[in-house]
């Protein structure tokens, strides 16, 4: 656990240093099957505070105050995490499915039912809860890591690092609500990077900033992201090297000149 904690702290340090300093700490997310996996000192909101909270509020406490929090059905105050993480039953044919289908924001009833049937979720009853910890002080391998960028420029830097390392672009679908489900569960299910907009509830109740945007890093890919960010940074193509210039006939990278020459330009 000590080696993993050190490794995660190094990943966190690289993310902060190569992206101009993140205002909040990346969140390490782990699915818990047995509560014996919960580390000592982890906060359980209902048990320890005598209150419920939405998962996005737990996100806020982890990334802003660096607390470690365990979320389960007892302490959860929002429907979306209960559905997405399989903590309550909501499949077709259940009363919960019918209730939620009517409020997903799709006017056509059949389309709403189809949309909710495809909502990102984990198998009902497989997991007891969800452990959230600051990446900089985390002794486990995250199932997904959430990085809240303060602006689109930081996201652009991370997207370049993903492309540089994998040769692939980040593919995502954007929704206005249920950011916990899309940022975590959709990524866990696909095993791919994705971008998520902090949703209305996260903005209103968990103080997510209007310019913040989330990059989800799937299990096992945190090292490739931080290594690629470090390579770009050392080669002069990273976030810190970007400058705003409005000079015409500006100095171009050599490959620009090479390819223009092949076109006779």
Protein backbone atom coordinates (compact mmCIF):
# COMPACT_ATOMS: atom_id res chain seq x y z
CA UNK A 1 0.00 0.00 0.00
CA UNK A 2 2.93 2.31 0.72
CA UNK A 3 4.31 1.93 -2.80
CA UNK A 4 0.86 2.58 -4.30
CA UNK A 5 0.41 5.67 -2.13
CA UNK A 6 3.78 7.01 -3.28
CA UNK A 7 2.98 6.25 -6.92
CA UNK A 8 -0.39 8.01 -6.70
CA UNK A 9 1.22 11.02 -5.04
CA UNK A 10 3.71 11.20 -7.93
CA UNK A 11 0.88 11.03 -10.48
CA UNK A 12 -0.89 13.85 -8.65
CA UNK A 13 2.26 15.95 -8.61
CA UNK A 14 2.75 15.53 -12.37
CA UNK A 15 -0.86 16.48 -13.09
CA UNK A 16 -0.54 19.65 -11.03
CA UNK A 17 2.86 20.66 -12.41
CA UNK A 18 2.25 19.98 -16.11
CA UNK A 19 -1.21 21.54 -16.27
CA UNK A 20 -0.48 24.89 -14.68
CA UNK A 21 -1.59 23.94 -11.20
CA UNK A 22 -5.02 22.43 -10.61
CA UNK A 23 -7.17 24.28 -8.10
CA UNK A 24 -8.54 21.02 -6.66
CA UNK A 25 -7.12 17.55 -6.11
CA UNK A 26 -7.91 14.67 -8.51
CA UNK A 27 -10.31 12.12 -7.03
CA UNK A 28 -9.46 8.42 -6.85
CA UNK A 29 -12.60 6.27 -7.04
CA UNK A 30 -12.73 2.62 -5.96
CA UNK A 31 -15.68 0.22 -6.03
CA UNK A 32 -16.02 -1.62 -2.72
CA UNK A 33 -17.41 -5.17 -2.64
CA UNK A 34 -16.64 -5.86 1.01
CA UNK A 35 -16.58 -3.16 3.67
CA UNK A 36 -13.39 -4.70 5.10
CA UNK A 37 -11.68 -2.86 2.20
CA UNK A 38 -12.56 0.55 3.67
CA UNK A 39 -9.43 2.18 5.15
CA UNK A 40 -9.31 3.45 8.71
CA UNK A 41 -10.23 7.11 8.92
CA UNK A 42 -12.59 7.11 5.95
CA UNK A 43 -15.64 9.26 6.63
CA UNK A 44 -19.08 7.67 6.38
CA UNK A 45 -21.39 10.71 6.16
CA UNK A 46 -24.49 9.32 7.87
CA UNK A 47 -22.56 7.48 10.58
CA UNK A 48 -20.00 10.22 11.27
CA UNK A 49 -21.92 13.41 10.50
CA UNK A 50 -25.46 12.27 11.14
CA UNK A 51 -26.47 13.62 7.76
CA UNK A 52 -26.93 12.51 4.17
CA UNK A 53 -25.13 13.96 1.15
CA UNK A 54 -25.20 13.57 -2.61
CA UNK A 55 -22.17 11.91 -4.15
CA UNK A 56 -21.19 15.13 -5.93
CA UNK A 57 -21.02 16.78 -2.50
CA UNK A 58 -18.67 14.01 -1.40
CA UNK A 59 -16.62 14.72 -4.55
CA UNK A 60 -16.36 18.35 -3.42
CA UNK A 61 -15.11 17.42 0.05
CA UNK A 62 -12.52 15.05 -1.39
CA UNK A 63 -11.12 17.37 -4.02
CA UNK A 64 -11.35 20.62 -2.01
CA UNK A 65 -10.67 19.44 1.55
CA UNK A 66 -8.81 16.20 0.76
CA UNK A 67 -11.03 13.99 2.89
CA UNK A 68 -11.45 10.27 2.24
CA UNK A 69 -15.15 9.39 2.06
CA UNK A 70 -17.06 6.15 1.74
CA UNK A 71 -20.44 6.48 0.02
CA UNK A 72 -23.13 3.82 0.51
CA UNK A 73 -26.89 3.59 0.16
CA UNK A 74 -27.43 4.55 3.79
CA UNK A 75 -25.83 7.96 3.41
CA UNK A 76 -26.73 8.80 -0.21
CA UNK A 77 -29.20 11.65 -0.87
CA UNK A 78 -29.45 11.58 -4.68
CA UNK A 79 -31.07 8.99 -6.95
CA UNK A 80 -28.44 8.90 -9.70
CA UNK A 81 -25.56 7.31 -7.72
CA UNK A 82 -27.93 4.74 -6.23
CA UNK A 83 -28.89 3.68 -9.74
CA UNK A 84 -25.51 4.06 -11.43
CA UNK A 85 -23.49 2.17 -8.81
CA UNK A 86 -26.10 -0.58 -8.44
CA UNK A 87 -26.93 0.30 -4.84
CA UNK A 88 -30.70 0.17 -5.49
CA UNK A 89 -32.70 -1.81 -8.02
CA UNK A 90 -34.02 0.17 -10.99
CA UNK A 91 -34.22 -2.15 -13.97
CA UNK A 92 -37.16 -2.26 -16.37
CA UNK A 93 -40.25 -3.59 -14.68
CA UNK A 94 -39.50 -2.04 -11.29
CA UNK A 95 -41.49 0.81 -9.79
CA UNK A 96 -38.31 2.89 -9.56
CA UNK A 97 -37.76 2.49 -13.30
CA UNK A 98 -41.24 3.82 -14.04
CA UNK A 99 -40.84 6.78 -11.66
CA UNK A 100 -37.42 7.78 -12.97
CA UNK A 101 -38.38 7.36 -16.61
CA UNK A 102 -40.90 10.16 -16.10
CA UNK A 103 -38.24 12.62 -14.89
CA UNK A 104 -35.18 12.03 -17.10
CA UNK A 105 -35.92 15.12 -19.18
CA UNK A 106 -37.10 13.37 -22.37
CA UNK A 107 -40.61 14.36 -23.45
CA UNK A 108 -41.51 11.28 -25.46
CA UNK A 109 -42.46 8.50 -23.01
CA UNK A 110 -41.07 5.64 -25.11
CA UNK A 111 -37.86 7.52 -25.85
CA UNK A 112 -37.50 8.31 -22.15
CA UNK A 113 -37.87 4.64 -21.24
CA UNK A 114 -35.26 3.66 -23.83
CA UNK A 115 -32.91 6.38 -22.60
CA UNK A 116 -33.17 5.27 -18.98
CA UNK A 117 -32.78 1.60 -19.91
CA UNK A 118 -29.37 2.55 -21.36
CA UNK A 119 -28.38 4.75 -18.41
CA UNK A 120 -24.85 3.85 -17.22
CA UNK A 121 -25.11 1.47 -14.30
CA UNK A 122 -23.32 -1.35 -12.54
CA UNK A 123 -24.99 -4.65 -11.63
CA UNK A 124 -27.45 -4.31 -8.78
CA UNK A 125 -26.05 -5.60 -5.50
CA UNK A 126 -22.51 -6.29 -6.70
CA UNK A 127 -20.93 -3.44 -4.75
CA UNK A 128 -21.51 -2.32 -1.17
CA UNK A 129 -20.41 1.24 -1.86
CA UNK A 130 -17.88 3.63 -3.37
CA UNK A 131 -14.63 4.83 -1.79
CA UNK A 132 -13.41 8.33 -2.73
CA UNK A 133 -9.96 9.65 -1.84
CA UNK A 134 -7.60 12.44 -2.87
CA UNK A 135 -5.16 10.99 -5.39
CA UNK A 136 -2.23 12.59 -3.57
CA UNK A 137 -2.97 10.53 -0.44
CA UNK A 138 -4.47 7.33 -1.76
CA UNK A 139 -3.24 3.82 -1.00
CA UNK A 140 -5.28 1.93 -3.58
CA UNK A 141 -5.46 1.47 -7.35
CA UNK A 142 -8.34 3.65 -8.59
CA UNK A 143 -11.05 2.11 -10.73
CA UNK A 144 -11.36 5.59 -12.24
CA UNK A 145 -9.67 8.93 -11.51
CA UNK A 146 -11.58 12.19 -11.88
CA UNK A 147 -9.61 15.32 -12.77
CA UNK A 148 -11.53 18.59 -12.49
CA UNK A 149 -9.95 21.07 -14.86
CA UNK A 150 -10.33 24.77 -14.12
CA UNK A 151 -10.49 25.70 -17.79
CA UNK A 152 -10.59 24.23 -21.28
CA UNK A 153 -6.91 24.93 -21.83
CA UNK A 154 -6.00 22.33 -19.22
CA UNK A 155 -8.37 19.86 -20.84
CA UNK A 156 -6.73 20.59 -24.19
CA UNK A 157 -3.35 19.73 -22.66
CA UNK A 158 -4.63 16.42 -21.36
CA UNK A 159 -6.35 15.62 -24.67
CA UNK A 160 -3.06 16.22 -26.48
CA UNK A 161 -1.29 13.89 -24.05
CA UNK A 162 -3.87 11.14 -24.63
CA UNK A 163 -3.57 11.51 -28.41
CA UNK A 164 0.24 11.64 -28.26
CA UNK A 165 0.43 8.43 -26.25
CA UNK A 166 -2.41 6.36 -27.71
CA UNK A 167 -2.95 7.70 -31.23
CA UNK A 168 -6.64 8.00 -30.37
CA UNK A 169 -9.01 10.86 -29.61
CA UNK A 170 -11.19 11.12 -26.52
CA UNK A 171 -14.74 10.16 -27.45
CA UNK A 172 -17.59 11.29 -25.23
CA UNK A 173 -21.29 12.05 -25.03
CA UNK A 174 -22.41 15.11 -23.10
CA UNK A 175 -25.44 15.32 -20.84
CA UNK A 176 -26.58 18.21 -18.65
CA UNK A 177 -27.31 16.02 -15.62
CA UNK A 178 -26.04 12.93 -13.77
CA UNK A 179 -22.34 13.78 -13.98
CA UNK A 180 -21.43 11.25 -11.27
CA UNK A 181 -22.87 8.42 -13.37
CA UNK A 182 -21.20 9.46 -16.59
CA UNK A 183 -17.85 10.46 -15.12
CA UNK A 184 -17.50 7.25 -13.09
CA UNK A 185 -19.67 4.40 -14.28
CA UNK A 186 -19.62 5.10 -18.02
CA UNK A 187 -15.83 5.18 -17.84
CA UNK A 188 -15.60 2.03 -15.73
CA UNK A 189 -17.86 0.19 -18.17
CA UNK A 190 -16.03 1.35 -21.31
CA UNK A 191 -12.46 1.44 -20.03
CA UNK A 192 -11.95 4.63 -22.06
CA UNK A 193 -11.18 8.26 -21.25
CA UNK A 194 -14.19 10.56 -21.32
CA UNK A 195 -15.13 14.18 -20.67
CA UNK A 196 -18.11 15.12 -18.49
CA UNK A 197 -19.74 18.45 -17.70
CA UNK A 198 -20.44 18.94 -13.97
CA UNK A 199 -24.20 18.72 -13.83
CA UNK A 200 -26.85 21.12 -12.57
CA UNK A 201 -27.02 19.52 -9.12
CA UNK A 202 -23.23 19.50 -8.80
CA UNK A 203 -23.16 23.18 -9.69
CA UNK A 204 -25.98 24.12 -7.31
CA UNK A 205 -25.28 21.83 -4.35
CA UNK A 206 -21.57 20.96 -4.56
CA UNK A 207 -20.21 24.32 -5.71
CA UNK A 208 -18.70 23.11 -8.99
CA UNK A 209 -17.36 26.11 -10.90
CA UNK A 210 -18.93 27.32 -14.12
CA UNK A 211 -15.65 26.81 -15.99
CA UNK A 212 -14.82 23.40 -14.53
CA UNK A 213 -14.92 20.26 -16.65
CA UNK A 214 -14.11 16.66 -15.72
CA UNK A 215 -11.69 14.25 -17.38
CA UNK A 216 -12.21 10.63 -16.33
CA UNK A 217 -9.10 8.45 -16.47
CA UNK A 218 -9.94 4.73 -16.57
CA UNK A 219 -8.31 2.02 -14.50
CA UNK A 220 -4.71 1.36 -15.45
CA UNK A 221 -4.26 4.45 -17.63
CA UNK A 222 -3.16 7.05 -15.11
CA UNK A 223 0.52 6.25 -15.67
CA UNK A 224 0.27 6.61 -19.45
CA UNK A 225 -1.42 10.00 -19.06
CA UNK A 226 1.12 11.42 -16.62
CA UNK A 227 4.06 10.02 -18.58
CA UNK A 228 2.76 11.59 -21.78
CA UNK A 229 2.17 14.93 -20.03
CA UNK A 230 5.76 14.84 -18.75
CA UNK A 231 7.17 14.09 -22.22
CA UNK A 232 5.19 16.93 -23.80
CA UNK A 233 6.27 19.28 -21.02
CA UNK A 234 9.97 18.45 -21.43
CA UNK A 235 9.78 18.73 -25.23
CA UNK A 236 8.34 22.25 -25.10
CA UNK A 237 4.87 21.26 -26.30
CA UNK A 238 3.16 21.13 -22.92
CA UNK A 239 0.67 23.45 -21.26
CA UNK A 240 3.33 25.77 -19.79
CA UNK A 241 4.83 26.47 -23.22
CA UNK A 242 1.67 27.69 -24.92
CA UNK A 243 1.66 31.42 -25.55
CA UNK A 244 -0.89 33.65 -27.21
CA UNK A 245 0.54 35.19 -30.36
CA UNK A 246 -1.09 37.29 -33.07
CA UNK A 247 2.00 37.69 -35.25
CA UNK A 248 1.43 37.00 -38.95
CA UNK A 249 4.02 34.94 -40.82
CA UNK A 250 4.83 33.54 -37.39
CA UNK A 251 7.70 31.14 -36.76
CA UNK A 252 6.41 27.67 -37.42
CA UNK A 253 7.51 24.20 -36.35
CA UNK A 254 9.87 22.63 -38.89
CA UNK A 255 7.32 20.02 -40.01
CA UNK A 256 5.02 22.86 -41.16
CA UNK A 257 7.76 24.08 -43.49
CA UNK A 258 8.49 20.54 -44.68
CA UNK A 259 4.91 19.68 -45.55
CA UNK A 260 4.25 23.07 -47.16
CA UNK A 261 7.30 22.48 -49.35
CA UNK A 262 5.82 19.20 -50.58
CA UNK A 263 2.69 21.15 -51.61
CA UNK A 264 4.73 23.76 -53.46
CA UNK A 265 3.77 26.48 -50.97
